[in-house]
């Protein structure tokens, strides 16, 4: 028997037909971390007329970049796409997902594979605050330049992707705490995105995140039982 499958466009957009709820995203009265983590959902339908102020976007990103990163090298880079014509250009690259054009902005999270070259700037700031002696700073910087400089392209990409995931999750939680909704997207043509938006060669696309005022709550979370994914001490 022939198995039924869907094209990529159908797979990514079928959710519009499946989402029959009329429930709006929950407005959180309590924004403690555990509540925010439990209540965040992936929202795909947004109020297209709602615009988030630049100052609020910057505040969310300022919170996001407090995330940890490998050797504190902070390889995340952000391209905030707010112009409607630019979102329209992005839409076919992201397989026509409606949240691309409806959300207030789309944040493209990128990972700089050569972020280690900023080691001196980063660790000089640490030293200037008195949190590291100058001689120790020099040793740290030299070690980072030597070690990361000898990493393979694959390993540098992996580091950028891991750190990009950390900052992305922090951004989405910060957005929920401030009353906004998000959905992370990996369903886009990365090569075409890099070309269309002039992304530097050293930057690796991590994900796209739609950010705005949700109209529908998104699917209730369904997760595997914890014991299906948990093992103690060793496999």
N, C-alpha and C. Protein backbone atom coordinates (compact mmCIF):
# COMPACT_ATOMS: atom_id res chain seq x y z
N UNK A 1 0.84 -1.19 0.00
CA UNK A 1 0.00 0.00 0.00
C UNK A 1 0.88 1.24 0.00
N UNK A 2 0.56 2.20 -0.86
CA UNK A 2 1.34 3.43 -0.95
C UNK A 2 1.09 4.31 0.26
N UNK A 3 2.17 4.76 0.89
CA UNK A 3 2.02 5.64 2.05
C UNK A 3 1.70 7.05 1.59
N UNK A 4 0.79 7.69 2.29
CA UNK A 4 0.43 9.06 1.97
C UNK A 4 1.44 10.01 2.62
N UNK A 5 1.92 10.94 1.86
CA UNK A 5 2.86 11.94 2.38
C UNK A 5 2.41 13.32 1.93
N UNK A 6 3.08 14.33 2.45
CA UNK A 6 2.78 15.71 2.08
C UNK A 6 4.03 16.37 1.54
N UNK A 7 3.83 17.34 0.68
CA UNK A 7 4.96 18.15 0.25
C UNK A 7 5.42 19.00 1.42
N UNK A 8 6.61 19.61 1.29
CA UNK A 8 7.11 20.46 2.36
C UNK A 8 6.16 21.61 2.65
N UNK A 9 5.63 22.25 1.61
CA UNK A 9 4.69 23.36 1.81
C UNK A 9 3.44 22.89 2.54
N UNK A 10 2.92 21.73 2.14
CA UNK A 10 1.72 21.20 2.79
C UNK A 10 2.01 20.87 4.25
N UNK A 11 3.15 20.26 4.49
CA UNK A 11 3.53 19.87 5.85
C UNK A 11 3.62 21.09 6.77
N UNK A 12 4.24 22.16 6.27
CA UNK A 12 4.46 23.35 7.11
C UNK A 12 3.20 24.19 7.28
N UNK A 13 2.27 24.09 6.33
CA UNK A 13 1.10 24.96 6.36
C UNK A 13 -0.20 24.24 6.72
N UNK A 14 -0.17 22.91 6.80
CA UNK A 14 -1.36 22.14 7.15
C UNK A 14 -1.88 22.52 8.52
N UNK A 15 -1.00 23.02 9.37
CA UNK A 15 -1.39 23.40 10.72
C UNK A 15 -2.52 24.42 10.72
N UNK A 16 -2.63 25.22 9.67
CA UNK A 16 -3.71 26.19 9.58
C UNK A 16 -5.07 25.51 9.56
N UNK A 17 -5.14 24.37 8.88
CA UNK A 17 -6.40 23.62 8.81
C UNK A 17 -6.67 22.85 10.08
N UNK A 18 -5.61 22.40 10.74
CA UNK A 18 -5.77 21.59 11.95
C UNK A 18 -6.11 22.44 13.17
N UNK A 19 -5.68 23.68 13.17
CA UNK A 19 -5.87 24.56 14.33
C UNK A 19 -7.27 25.15 14.28
N UNK A 20 -8.22 24.49 14.95
CA UNK A 20 -9.60 24.94 14.91
C UNK A 20 -10.00 25.69 16.18
N UNK A 21 -9.04 25.88 17.08
CA UNK A 21 -9.35 26.58 18.32
C UNK A 21 -9.59 28.06 18.07
N UNK A 22 -10.45 28.64 18.89
CA UNK A 22 -10.66 30.09 18.83
C UNK A 22 -10.05 30.76 20.05
N UNK A 23 -9.36 29.97 20.85
CA UNK A 23 -8.74 30.47 22.07
C UNK A 23 -7.58 31.41 21.75
N UNK A 24 -7.58 32.57 22.39
CA UNK A 24 -6.48 33.51 22.23
C UNK A 24 -5.33 33.09 23.14
N UNK A 25 -4.10 33.50 22.81
CA UNK A 25 -2.99 33.20 23.71
C UNK A 25 -3.27 33.70 25.11
N UNK A 26 -2.88 32.92 26.10
CA UNK A 26 -3.15 33.29 27.49
C UNK A 26 -2.35 34.52 27.89
N UNK A 27 -3.05 35.45 28.52
CA UNK A 27 -2.38 36.61 29.10
C UNK A 27 -1.93 36.23 30.50
N UNK A 28 -0.64 36.28 30.73
CA UNK A 28 -0.10 35.81 32.00
C UNK A 28 -0.18 36.89 33.07
N UNK A 29 -0.83 36.55 34.18
CA UNK A 29 -0.85 37.44 35.33
C UNK A 29 0.40 37.22 36.17
N UNK A 30 0.90 36.01 36.13
CA UNK A 30 2.11 35.65 36.87
C UNK A 30 3.20 35.33 35.85
N UNK A 31 4.30 36.07 35.86
CA UNK A 31 5.35 35.86 34.89
C UNK A 31 6.62 35.28 35.52
N UNK A 32 6.46 34.48 36.60
CA UNK A 32 7.62 33.78 37.11
C UNK A 32 8.08 32.77 36.07
N UNK A 33 9.33 32.35 36.16
CA UNK A 33 9.92 31.54 35.10
C UNK A 33 9.13 30.27 34.80
N UNK A 34 8.74 29.51 35.84
CA UNK A 34 8.07 28.24 35.62
C UNK A 34 6.74 28.43 34.91
N UNK A 35 6.02 29.49 35.24
CA UNK A 35 4.76 29.76 34.57
C UNK A 35 4.99 30.10 33.10
N UNK A 36 5.98 30.96 32.84
CA UNK A 36 6.29 31.34 31.46
C UNK A 36 6.69 30.12 30.64
N UNK A 37 7.54 29.26 31.21
CA UNK A 37 7.99 28.07 30.50
C UNK A 37 6.84 27.13 30.19
N UNK A 38 5.92 26.99 31.13
CA UNK A 38 4.78 26.09 30.93
C UNK A 38 3.76 26.66 29.94
N UNK A 39 3.59 27.95 29.91
CA UNK A 39 2.53 28.56 29.11
C UNK A 39 2.97 28.97 27.71
N UNK A 40 4.27 29.04 27.45
CA UNK A 40 4.70 29.40 26.10
C UNK A 40 4.25 28.34 25.11
N UNK A 41 3.69 28.80 24.00
CA UNK A 41 3.31 27.91 22.91
C UNK A 41 3.84 28.45 21.60
N UNK A 42 3.91 27.58 20.61
CA UNK A 42 4.31 28.02 19.27
C UNK A 42 3.07 28.56 18.57
N UNK A 43 3.05 29.85 18.39
CA UNK A 43 1.88 30.54 17.83
C UNK A 43 2.14 30.88 16.37
N UNK A 44 1.18 30.53 15.51
CA UNK A 44 1.36 30.72 14.08
C UNK A 44 0.38 31.71 13.46
N UNK A 45 -0.54 32.23 14.25
CA UNK A 45 -1.49 33.21 13.74
C UNK A 45 -1.40 34.48 14.58
N UNK A 46 -1.16 35.59 13.90
CA UNK A 46 -0.86 36.86 14.58
C UNK A 46 -1.77 37.98 14.11
N UNK A 47 -1.87 38.99 14.94
CA UNK A 47 -2.55 40.23 14.58
C UNK A 47 -1.61 41.01 13.66
N UNK A 48 -1.93 41.01 12.38
CA UNK A 48 -1.05 41.62 11.38
C UNK A 48 -0.96 43.13 11.53
N UNK A 49 -1.92 43.74 12.25
CA UNK A 49 -1.92 45.19 12.43
C UNK A 49 -1.14 45.63 13.66
N UNK A 50 -0.73 44.68 14.47
CA UNK A 50 -0.03 45.04 15.70
C UNK A 50 1.47 45.17 15.44
N UNK A 51 2.01 46.28 15.85
CA UNK A 51 3.45 46.52 15.67
C UNK A 51 4.13 46.67 17.03
N UNK A 52 5.20 45.96 17.21
CA UNK A 52 5.99 46.07 18.43
C UNK A 52 7.00 47.20 18.26
N UNK A 53 7.08 48.05 19.26
CA UNK A 53 8.02 49.17 19.20
C UNK A 53 9.47 48.65 19.18
N UNK A 54 10.31 49.40 18.49
CA UNK A 54 11.72 49.02 18.40
C UNK A 54 12.34 48.90 19.79
N UNK A 55 11.94 49.80 20.70
CA UNK A 55 12.51 49.77 22.05
C UNK A 55 12.17 48.46 22.76
N UNK A 56 10.97 47.91 22.50
CA UNK A 56 10.58 46.65 23.12
C UNK A 56 11.35 45.48 22.51
N UNK A 57 11.55 45.53 21.21
CA UNK A 57 12.34 44.47 20.55
C UNK A 57 13.75 44.47 21.10
N UNK A 58 14.31 45.65 21.25
CA UNK A 58 15.67 45.76 21.79
C UNK A 58 15.72 45.23 23.23
N UNK A 59 14.69 45.52 24.01
CA UNK A 59 14.65 45.04 25.39
C UNK A 59 14.62 43.50 25.42
N UNK A 60 13.84 42.89 24.54
CA UNK A 60 13.78 41.43 24.47
C UNK A 60 15.13 40.84 24.08
N UNK A 61 15.78 41.47 23.11
CA UNK A 61 17.07 40.97 22.66
C UNK A 61 18.15 41.18 23.73
N UNK A 62 18.05 42.28 24.47
CA UNK A 62 18.99 42.52 25.57
C UNK A 62 18.87 41.41 26.62
N UNK A 63 17.65 40.95 26.85
CA UNK A 63 17.44 39.84 27.78
C UNK A 63 17.96 38.55 27.18
N UNK A 64 17.72 38.35 25.90
CA UNK A 64 18.14 37.11 25.23
C UNK A 64 19.64 36.93 25.30
N UNK A 65 20.39 38.00 25.09
CA UNK A 65 21.85 37.87 25.01
C UNK A 65 22.51 37.68 26.37
N UNK A 66 21.70 37.56 27.41
CA UNK A 66 22.24 37.16 28.71
C UNK A 66 22.43 35.65 28.77
N UNK A 67 22.05 34.94 27.73
CA UNK A 67 22.22 33.49 27.67
C UNK A 67 23.70 33.12 27.72
N UNK A 68 24.01 31.91 28.17
CA UNK A 68 25.41 31.47 28.19
C UNK A 68 25.88 31.09 26.80
N UNK A 69 27.19 31.07 26.63
CA UNK A 69 27.77 30.67 25.34
C UNK A 69 29.15 30.07 25.57
N UNK A 70 29.62 29.32 24.61
CA UNK A 70 30.92 28.68 24.69
C UNK A 70 32.02 29.72 24.88
N UNK A 71 32.77 29.61 25.98
CA UNK A 71 33.85 30.54 26.31
C UNK A 71 33.39 32.00 26.33
N UNK A 72 32.08 32.21 26.53
CA UNK A 72 31.50 33.56 26.58
C UNK A 72 31.76 34.34 25.28
N UNK A 73 31.82 33.63 24.15
CA UNK A 73 32.15 34.30 22.89
C UNK A 73 30.92 34.87 22.18
N UNK A 74 29.72 34.55 22.68
CA UNK A 74 28.48 35.21 22.23
C UNK A 74 28.37 35.25 20.70
N UNK A 75 28.34 34.10 20.03
CA UNK A 75 28.38 34.08 18.58
C UNK A 75 27.06 34.43 17.91
N UNK A 76 26.03 34.70 18.70
CA UNK A 76 24.74 35.00 18.10
C UNK A 76 24.74 36.36 17.40
N UNK A 77 24.06 36.39 16.29
CA UNK A 77 23.83 37.62 15.53
C UNK A 77 22.36 37.63 15.12
N UNK A 78 21.75 38.81 15.07
CA UNK A 78 20.32 38.91 14.80
C UNK A 78 20.06 39.79 13.59
N UNK A 79 19.21 39.33 12.71
CA UNK A 79 18.68 40.15 11.63
C UNK A 79 17.19 40.29 11.90
N UNK A 80 16.76 41.48 12.29
CA UNK A 80 15.35 41.72 12.59
C UNK A 80 14.67 42.23 11.32
N UNK A 81 13.74 41.46 10.82
CA UNK A 81 13.05 41.80 9.57
C UNK A 81 11.68 42.34 9.93
N UNK A 82 11.53 43.66 9.79
CA UNK A 82 10.29 44.32 10.17
C UNK A 82 9.56 44.94 8.99
N UNK A 83 10.28 45.32 7.96
CA UNK A 83 9.66 45.93 6.79
C UNK A 83 8.77 44.90 6.09
N UNK A 84 7.55 45.29 5.78
CA UNK A 84 6.60 44.33 5.21
C UNK A 84 7.05 43.78 3.86
N UNK A 85 7.68 44.62 3.07
CA UNK A 85 8.15 44.15 1.77
C UNK A 85 9.27 43.12 1.93
N UNK A 86 10.09 43.29 2.96
CA UNK A 86 11.14 42.31 3.22
C UNK A 86 10.56 41.00 3.74
N UNK A 87 9.49 41.09 4.54
CA UNK A 87 8.82 39.88 5.00
C UNK A 87 8.16 39.15 3.83
N UNK A 88 7.62 39.92 2.90
CA UNK A 88 7.02 39.31 1.71
C UNK A 88 8.09 38.60 0.88
N UNK A 89 9.28 39.18 0.83
CA UNK A 89 10.39 38.54 0.12
C UNK A 89 10.81 37.25 0.82
N UNK A 90 10.74 37.26 2.15
CA UNK A 90 11.12 36.09 2.92
C UNK A 90 10.09 34.96 2.82
N UNK A 91 8.84 35.31 2.63
CA UNK A 91 7.75 34.33 2.67
C UNK A 91 7.98 33.09 1.80
N UNK A 92 8.26 33.23 0.50
CA UNK A 92 8.47 32.01 -0.31
C UNK A 92 9.72 31.24 0.10
N UNK A 93 10.71 31.93 0.63
CA UNK A 93 11.92 31.25 1.11
C UNK A 93 11.58 30.38 2.30
N UNK A 94 10.57 30.79 3.08
CA UNK A 94 10.11 30.04 4.25
C UNK A 94 8.85 29.26 3.94
N UNK A 95 8.69 28.87 2.69
CA UNK A 95 7.60 27.98 2.27
C UNK A 95 6.21 28.55 2.54
N UNK A 96 6.10 29.88 2.47
CA UNK A 96 4.80 30.52 2.57
C UNK A 96 4.12 30.43 3.91
N UNK A 97 4.87 30.20 4.98
CA UNK A 97 4.26 30.12 6.31
C UNK A 97 3.66 31.48 6.69
N UNK A 98 2.39 31.47 7.07
CA UNK A 98 1.66 32.72 7.23
C UNK A 98 2.23 33.63 8.30
N UNK A 99 2.86 33.05 9.32
CA UNK A 99 3.40 33.87 10.40
C UNK A 99 4.54 34.76 9.95
N UNK A 100 5.14 34.44 8.82
CA UNK A 100 6.23 35.27 8.30
C UNK A 100 5.72 36.66 7.98
N UNK A 101 4.57 36.75 7.36
CA UNK A 101 4.05 38.06 6.95
C UNK A 101 3.11 38.68 7.97
N UNK A 102 2.54 37.87 8.88
CA UNK A 102 1.57 38.40 9.83
C UNK A 102 2.21 38.92 11.12
N UNK A 103 3.27 38.30 11.57
CA UNK A 103 3.89 38.71 12.84
C UNK A 103 4.50 40.10 12.70
N UNK A 104 4.67 40.76 13.83
CA UNK A 104 5.25 42.11 13.82
C UNK A 104 6.63 42.11 13.18
N UNK A 105 7.45 41.15 13.58
CA UNK A 105 8.80 41.02 13.02
C UNK A 105 9.17 39.56 12.92
N UNK A 106 10.14 39.29 12.09
CA UNK A 106 10.78 37.97 12.08
C UNK A 106 12.24 38.20 12.48
N UNK A 107 12.67 37.48 13.50
CA UNK A 107 14.05 37.57 13.95
C UNK A 107 14.81 36.38 13.38
N UNK A 108 15.75 36.66 12.52
CA UNK A 108 16.64 35.61 12.02
C UNK A 108 17.81 35.50 12.98
N UNK A 109 17.94 34.34 13.62
CA UNK A 109 19.04 34.11 14.54
C UNK A 109 20.17 33.44 13.76
N UNK A 110 21.33 34.05 13.81
CA UNK A 110 22.49 33.58 13.07
C UNK A 110 23.63 33.28 14.03
N UNK A 111 24.51 32.37 13.63
CA UNK A 111 25.67 32.05 14.46
C UNK A 111 26.95 32.39 13.74
N UNK A 112 27.77 33.22 14.35
CA UNK A 112 29.05 33.63 13.77
C UNK A 112 30.11 32.57 14.06
N UNK A 113 30.53 31.86 13.02
CA UNK A 113 31.52 30.79 13.19
C UNK A 113 32.90 31.33 13.54
N UNK A 114 33.12 32.61 13.33
CA UNK A 114 34.42 33.20 13.64
C UNK A 114 34.33 34.14 14.85
N UNK A 115 33.36 33.89 15.70
CA UNK A 115 33.15 34.75 16.87
C UNK A 115 34.36 34.79 17.79
N UNK A 116 35.18 33.75 17.74
CA UNK A 116 36.36 33.72 18.62
C UNK A 116 37.32 34.87 18.35
N UNK A 117 37.22 35.49 17.18
CA UNK A 117 38.08 36.62 16.87
C UNK A 117 37.74 37.85 17.70
N UNK A 118 36.60 37.81 18.39
CA UNK A 118 36.21 38.91 19.28
C UNK A 118 36.67 38.68 20.71
N UNK A 119 37.48 37.65 20.92
CA UNK A 119 37.87 37.29 22.28
C UNK A 119 38.53 38.45 23.03
N UNK A 120 39.41 39.18 22.37
CA UNK A 120 40.11 40.27 23.06
C UNK A 120 39.14 41.36 23.51
N UNK A 121 38.19 41.72 22.65
CA UNK A 121 37.20 42.73 23.01
C UNK A 121 36.37 42.28 24.20
N UNK A 122 35.94 41.04 24.19
CA UNK A 122 35.09 40.52 25.26
C UNK A 122 35.85 40.44 26.58
N UNK A 123 37.03 39.84 26.54
CA UNK A 123 37.76 39.64 27.78
C UNK A 123 38.42 40.91 28.29
N UNK A 124 38.64 41.89 27.42
CA UNK A 124 39.12 43.19 27.88
C UNK A 124 38.04 43.88 28.71
N UNK A 125 36.78 43.72 28.31
CA UNK A 125 35.67 44.28 29.09
C UNK A 125 35.61 43.63 30.47
N UNK A 126 35.84 42.32 30.51
CA UNK A 126 35.83 41.63 31.79
C UNK A 126 36.97 42.15 32.69
N UNK A 127 38.13 42.32 32.09
CA UNK A 127 39.29 42.81 32.86
C UNK A 127 39.07 44.24 33.34
N UNK A 128 38.48 45.07 32.49
CA UNK A 128 38.24 46.47 32.85
C UNK A 128 37.28 46.59 34.04
N UNK A 129 36.39 45.61 34.20
CA UNK A 129 35.46 45.62 35.33
C UNK A 129 36.12 45.09 36.60
N UNK A 130 37.37 44.67 36.47
CA UNK A 130 38.08 44.15 37.63
C UNK A 130 37.78 42.70 37.95
N UNK A 131 37.17 42.00 36.99
CA UNK A 131 36.79 40.61 37.23
C UNK A 131 37.84 39.61 36.73
N UNK A 132 38.93 40.13 36.18
CA UNK A 132 40.01 39.24 35.72
C UNK A 132 41.29 40.05 35.61
N UNK A 133 42.38 39.57 36.19
CA UNK A 133 43.66 40.27 36.06
C UNK A 133 44.09 40.33 34.59
N UNK A 134 44.82 41.37 34.24
CA UNK A 134 45.22 41.58 32.85
C UNK A 134 46.05 40.42 32.31
N UNK A 135 46.96 39.87 33.13
CA UNK A 135 47.79 38.78 32.63
C UNK A 135 46.99 37.51 32.37
N UNK A 136 45.99 37.26 33.22
CA UNK A 136 45.10 36.11 33.01
C UNK A 136 44.25 36.32 31.76
N UNK A 137 43.82 37.57 31.58
CA UNK A 137 43.04 37.88 30.38
C UNK A 137 43.83 37.57 29.12
N UNK A 138 45.09 37.96 29.11
CA UNK A 138 45.93 37.71 27.95
C UNK A 138 46.08 36.22 27.67
N UNK A 139 46.22 35.44 28.73
CA UNK A 139 46.34 34.00 28.54
C UNK A 139 45.04 33.40 28.01
N UNK A 140 43.92 33.87 28.54
CA UNK A 140 42.62 33.40 28.06
C UNK A 140 42.47 33.70 26.57
N UNK A 141 42.73 34.93 26.20
CA UNK A 141 42.55 35.35 24.80
C UNK A 141 43.45 34.55 23.88
N UNK A 142 44.71 34.42 24.26
CA UNK A 142 45.65 33.67 23.43
C UNK A 142 45.23 32.21 23.28
N UNK A 143 44.75 31.63 24.35
CA UNK A 143 44.31 30.24 24.30
C UNK A 143 43.09 30.07 23.40
N UNK A 144 42.15 31.01 23.50
CA UNK A 144 40.95 30.95 22.67
C UNK A 144 41.31 31.08 21.20
N UNK A 145 42.16 32.05 20.88
CA UNK A 145 42.54 32.26 19.49
C UNK A 145 43.25 31.03 18.93
N UNK A 146 44.08 30.41 19.75
CA UNK A 146 44.81 29.23 19.29
C UNK A 146 43.89 28.03 19.13
N UNK A 147 43.06 27.77 20.17
CA UNK A 147 42.22 26.58 20.14
C UNK A 147 41.10 26.68 19.11
N UNK A 148 40.32 27.76 19.20
CA UNK A 148 39.20 27.91 18.27
C UNK A 148 39.71 28.09 16.84
N UNK A 149 40.84 28.74 16.70
CA UNK A 149 41.40 28.95 15.38
C UNK A 149 41.80 27.67 14.69
N UNK A 150 41.99 26.60 15.47
CA UNK A 150 42.35 25.30 14.91
C UNK A 150 41.18 24.33 14.85
N UNK A 151 40.00 24.78 15.28
CA UNK A 151 38.83 23.92 15.18
C UNK A 151 38.42 23.76 13.72
N UNK A 152 37.82 22.62 13.42
CA UNK A 152 37.32 22.39 12.07
C UNK A 152 36.09 23.26 11.80
N UNK A 153 35.76 23.43 10.54
CA UNK A 153 34.55 24.18 10.16
C UNK A 153 33.33 23.53 10.78
N UNK A 154 33.31 22.22 10.81
CA UNK A 154 32.17 21.49 11.37
C UNK A 154 32.01 21.80 12.86
N UNK A 155 33.12 21.82 13.60
CA UNK A 155 33.03 22.08 15.03
C UNK A 155 32.63 23.52 15.31
N UNK A 156 33.16 24.46 14.55
CA UNK A 156 32.78 25.87 14.73
C UNK A 156 31.30 26.07 14.43
N UNK A 157 30.81 25.37 13.42
CA UNK A 157 29.38 25.45 13.09
C UNK A 157 28.54 24.89 14.22
N UNK A 158 28.97 23.76 14.77
CA UNK A 158 28.23 23.13 15.86
C UNK A 158 28.16 24.06 17.07
N UNK A 159 29.25 24.70 17.41
CA UNK A 159 29.26 25.63 18.53
C UNK A 159 28.29 26.78 18.28
N UNK A 160 28.34 27.33 17.07
CA UNK A 160 27.46 28.45 16.72
C UNK A 160 25.99 28.04 16.78
N UNK A 161 25.69 26.82 16.36
CA UNK A 161 24.31 26.35 16.38
C UNK A 161 23.81 26.10 17.79
N UNK A 162 24.65 25.52 18.63
CA UNK A 162 24.26 25.27 20.02
C UNK A 162 24.00 26.59 20.74
N UNK A 163 24.93 27.52 20.63
CA UNK A 163 24.77 28.81 21.31
C UNK A 163 23.60 29.59 20.71
N UNK A 164 23.39 29.44 19.41
CA UNK A 164 22.25 30.09 18.77
C UNK A 164 20.93 29.55 19.28
N UNK A 165 20.90 28.24 19.60
CA UNK A 165 19.70 27.66 20.18
C UNK A 165 19.43 28.17 21.58
N UNK A 166 20.50 28.35 22.37
CA UNK A 166 20.34 28.86 23.73
C UNK A 166 19.75 30.27 23.72
N UNK A 167 20.29 31.13 22.86
CA UNK A 167 19.81 32.51 22.84
C UNK A 167 18.41 32.59 22.26
N UNK A 168 18.08 31.69 21.36
CA UNK A 168 16.74 31.67 20.76
C UNK A 168 15.68 31.32 21.80
N UNK A 169 15.96 30.31 22.61
CA UNK A 169 15.00 29.93 23.64
C UNK A 169 14.82 31.05 24.65
N UNK A 170 15.90 31.71 25.00
CA UNK A 170 15.80 32.81 25.96
C UNK A 170 14.97 33.96 25.38
N UNK A 171 15.12 34.21 24.09
CA UNK A 171 14.32 35.25 23.43
C UNK A 171 12.83 34.89 23.48
N UNK A 172 12.51 33.63 23.20
CA UNK A 172 11.10 33.24 23.16
C UNK A 172 10.46 33.30 24.55
N UNK A 173 11.21 32.93 25.57
CA UNK A 173 10.68 33.01 26.93
C UNK A 173 10.53 34.47 27.37
N UNK A 174 11.49 35.30 27.01
CA UNK A 174 11.38 36.73 27.34
C UNK A 174 10.16 37.34 26.67
N UNK A 175 9.91 36.95 25.42
CA UNK A 175 8.75 37.47 24.69
C UNK A 175 7.45 37.08 25.40
N UNK A 176 7.34 35.82 25.81
CA UNK A 176 6.13 35.39 26.49
C UNK A 176 5.94 36.15 27.79
N UNK A 177 7.02 36.37 28.52
CA UNK A 177 6.93 37.11 29.78
C UNK A 177 6.45 38.53 29.58
N UNK A 178 6.72 39.09 28.39
CA UNK A 178 6.31 40.47 28.09
C UNK A 178 4.98 40.54 27.35
N UNK A 179 4.31 39.40 27.19
CA UNK A 179 2.98 39.40 26.58
C UNK A 179 2.97 39.19 25.08
N UNK A 180 4.08 38.73 24.53
CA UNK A 180 4.14 38.48 23.09
C UNK A 180 4.27 36.98 22.82
N UNK A 181 4.09 36.62 21.56
CA UNK A 181 4.13 35.23 21.18
C UNK A 181 5.17 35.01 20.09
N UNK A 182 5.60 33.77 19.96
CA UNK A 182 6.67 33.44 19.03
C UNK A 182 6.42 32.05 18.45
N UNK A 183 7.12 31.76 17.36
CA UNK A 183 7.24 30.39 16.86
C UNK A 183 8.60 30.26 16.19
N UNK A 184 9.39 29.25 16.58
CA UNK A 184 10.68 29.03 15.92
C UNK A 184 10.48 28.26 14.63
N UNK A 185 11.26 28.58 13.62
CA UNK A 185 11.09 27.93 12.32
C UNK A 185 12.44 27.50 11.76
N UNK A 186 12.49 26.25 11.38
CA UNK A 186 13.65 25.74 10.67
C UNK A 186 13.30 25.40 9.24
N UNK A 187 12.02 25.52 8.90
CA UNK A 187 11.55 25.18 7.56
C UNK A 187 11.72 26.32 6.57
N UNK A 188 12.95 26.57 6.20
CA UNK A 188 13.24 27.60 5.20
C UNK A 188 14.48 27.20 4.42
N UNK A 189 14.61 27.76 3.24
CA UNK A 189 15.76 27.47 2.38
C UNK A 189 16.94 28.32 2.86
N UNK A 190 17.84 27.71 3.58
CA UNK A 190 18.94 28.46 4.20
C UNK A 190 19.83 29.13 3.16
N UNK A 191 20.16 28.40 2.11
CA UNK A 191 21.03 28.96 1.07
C UNK A 191 20.37 30.15 0.39
N UNK A 192 19.09 30.04 0.11
CA UNK A 192 18.37 31.14 -0.54
C UNK A 192 18.23 32.32 0.40
N UNK A 193 18.02 32.03 1.69
CA UNK A 193 17.93 33.11 2.68
C UNK A 193 19.23 33.89 2.76
N UNK A 194 20.34 33.18 2.84
CA UNK A 194 21.66 33.82 2.91
C UNK A 194 21.88 34.72 1.70
N UNK A 195 21.49 34.23 0.53
CA UNK A 195 21.67 34.99 -0.70
C UNK A 195 20.75 36.20 -0.75
N UNK A 196 19.48 36.01 -0.41
CA UNK A 196 18.49 37.09 -0.54
C UNK A 196 18.71 38.22 0.45
N UNK A 197 19.26 37.89 1.63
CA UNK A 197 19.41 38.90 2.68
C UNK A 197 20.87 39.25 2.97
N UNK A 198 21.75 38.91 2.04
CA UNK A 198 23.16 39.32 2.11
C UNK A 198 23.83 38.93 3.42
N UNK A 199 23.54 37.73 3.89
CA UNK A 199 24.12 37.26 5.15
C UNK A 199 25.62 36.99 4.94
N UNK A 200 26.47 37.50 5.82
CA UNK A 200 27.92 37.27 5.69
C UNK A 200 28.27 35.79 5.65
N UNK A 201 29.35 35.46 4.97
CA UNK A 201 29.76 34.07 4.77
C UNK A 201 30.01 33.32 6.07
N UNK A 202 30.49 34.03 7.08
CA UNK A 202 30.84 33.37 8.34
C UNK A 202 29.63 33.13 9.24
N UNK A 203 28.45 33.63 8.84
CA UNK A 203 27.26 33.49 9.66
C UNK A 203 26.44 32.28 9.21
N UNK A 204 26.10 31.45 10.16
CA UNK A 204 25.30 30.25 9.90
C UNK A 204 23.86 30.48 10.36
N UNK A 205 22.86 30.33 9.48
CA UNK A 205 21.48 30.47 9.93
C UNK A 205 21.12 29.41 10.97
N UNK A 206 20.59 29.84 12.09
CA UNK A 206 20.18 28.93 13.15
C UNK A 206 18.68 28.66 13.05
N UNK A 207 17.89 29.71 13.06
CA UNK A 207 16.44 29.59 12.92
C UNK A 207 15.83 30.96 12.65
N UNK A 208 14.59 30.95 12.23
CA UNK A 208 13.78 32.16 12.14
C UNK A 208 12.78 32.12 13.29
N UNK A 209 12.50 33.27 13.88
CA UNK A 209 11.52 33.36 14.96
C UNK A 209 10.53 34.46 14.64
N UNK A 210 9.26 34.08 14.45
CA UNK A 210 8.22 35.09 14.30
C UNK A 210 7.88 35.62 15.69
N UNK A 211 7.71 36.93 15.78
CA UNK A 211 7.47 37.59 17.06
C UNK A 211 6.36 38.62 16.88
N UNK A 212 5.32 38.51 17.71
CA UNK A 212 4.23 39.48 17.59
C UNK A 212 3.14 39.21 18.60
N UNK A 213 1.96 39.78 18.34
CA UNK A 213 0.79 39.59 19.20
C UNK A 213 -0.07 38.49 18.60
N UNK A 214 -0.09 37.34 19.27
CA UNK A 214 -0.80 36.20 18.73
C UNK A 214 -2.31 36.38 18.73
N UNK A 215 -2.97 35.77 17.74
CA UNK A 215 -4.43 35.77 17.66
C UNK A 215 -5.01 34.47 18.18
N UNK A 216 -4.30 33.36 17.91
CA UNK A 216 -4.73 32.06 18.40
C UNK A 216 -3.61 31.44 19.23
N UNK A 217 -4.01 30.65 20.20
CA UNK A 217 -3.07 30.20 21.22
C UNK A 217 -2.04 29.21 20.71
N UNK A 218 -2.29 28.56 19.61
CA UNK A 218 -1.39 27.49 19.20
C UNK A 218 -1.76 26.20 19.90
N UNK A 219 -1.19 25.11 19.42
CA UNK A 219 -1.56 23.81 19.98
C UNK A 219 -1.13 23.67 21.43
N UNK A 220 -2.00 23.02 22.21
CA UNK A 220 -1.61 22.67 23.57
C UNK A 220 -0.42 21.73 23.49
N UNK A 221 0.51 21.87 24.42
CA UNK A 221 1.73 21.07 24.37
C UNK A 221 1.44 19.59 24.60
N UNK A 222 2.04 18.78 23.76
CA UNK A 222 1.99 17.32 23.93
C UNK A 222 3.43 16.83 23.94
N UNK A 223 3.83 16.20 25.00
CA UNK A 223 5.21 15.76 25.13
C UNK A 223 5.27 14.29 25.50
N UNK A 224 6.35 13.64 25.12
CA UNK A 224 6.59 12.28 25.57
C UNK A 224 6.70 12.26 27.09
N UNK A 225 6.28 11.18 27.73
CA UNK A 225 6.46 11.08 29.17
C UNK A 225 7.93 11.25 29.53
N UNK A 226 8.19 11.92 30.65
CA UNK A 226 9.57 12.18 31.06
C UNK A 226 10.39 10.90 31.12
N UNK A 227 9.80 9.82 31.62
CA UNK A 227 10.56 8.59 31.77
C UNK A 227 10.95 7.98 30.43
N UNK A 228 10.32 8.40 29.34
CA UNK A 228 10.71 7.92 28.02
C UNK A 228 12.00 8.57 27.53
N UNK A 229 12.36 9.69 28.12
CA UNK A 229 13.54 10.43 27.67
C UNK A 229 14.59 10.60 28.76
N UNK A 230 14.35 9.97 29.89
CA UNK A 230 15.23 10.16 31.05
C UNK A 230 15.95 8.88 31.42
N UNK A 231 17.25 9.01 31.65
CA UNK A 231 18.04 7.89 32.15
C UNK A 231 18.98 8.44 33.21
N UNK A 232 19.21 7.70 34.25
CA UNK A 232 20.07 8.16 35.33
C UNK A 232 21.47 7.56 35.19
N UNK A 233 22.47 8.39 35.32
CA UNK A 233 23.88 8.01 35.43
C UNK A 233 24.53 7.53 34.14
N UNK A 234 23.95 6.54 33.44
CA UNK A 234 24.54 6.09 32.18
C UNK A 234 23.56 5.22 31.42
N UNK A 235 23.79 5.13 30.11
CA UNK A 235 23.00 4.21 29.29
C UNK A 235 23.70 2.85 29.26
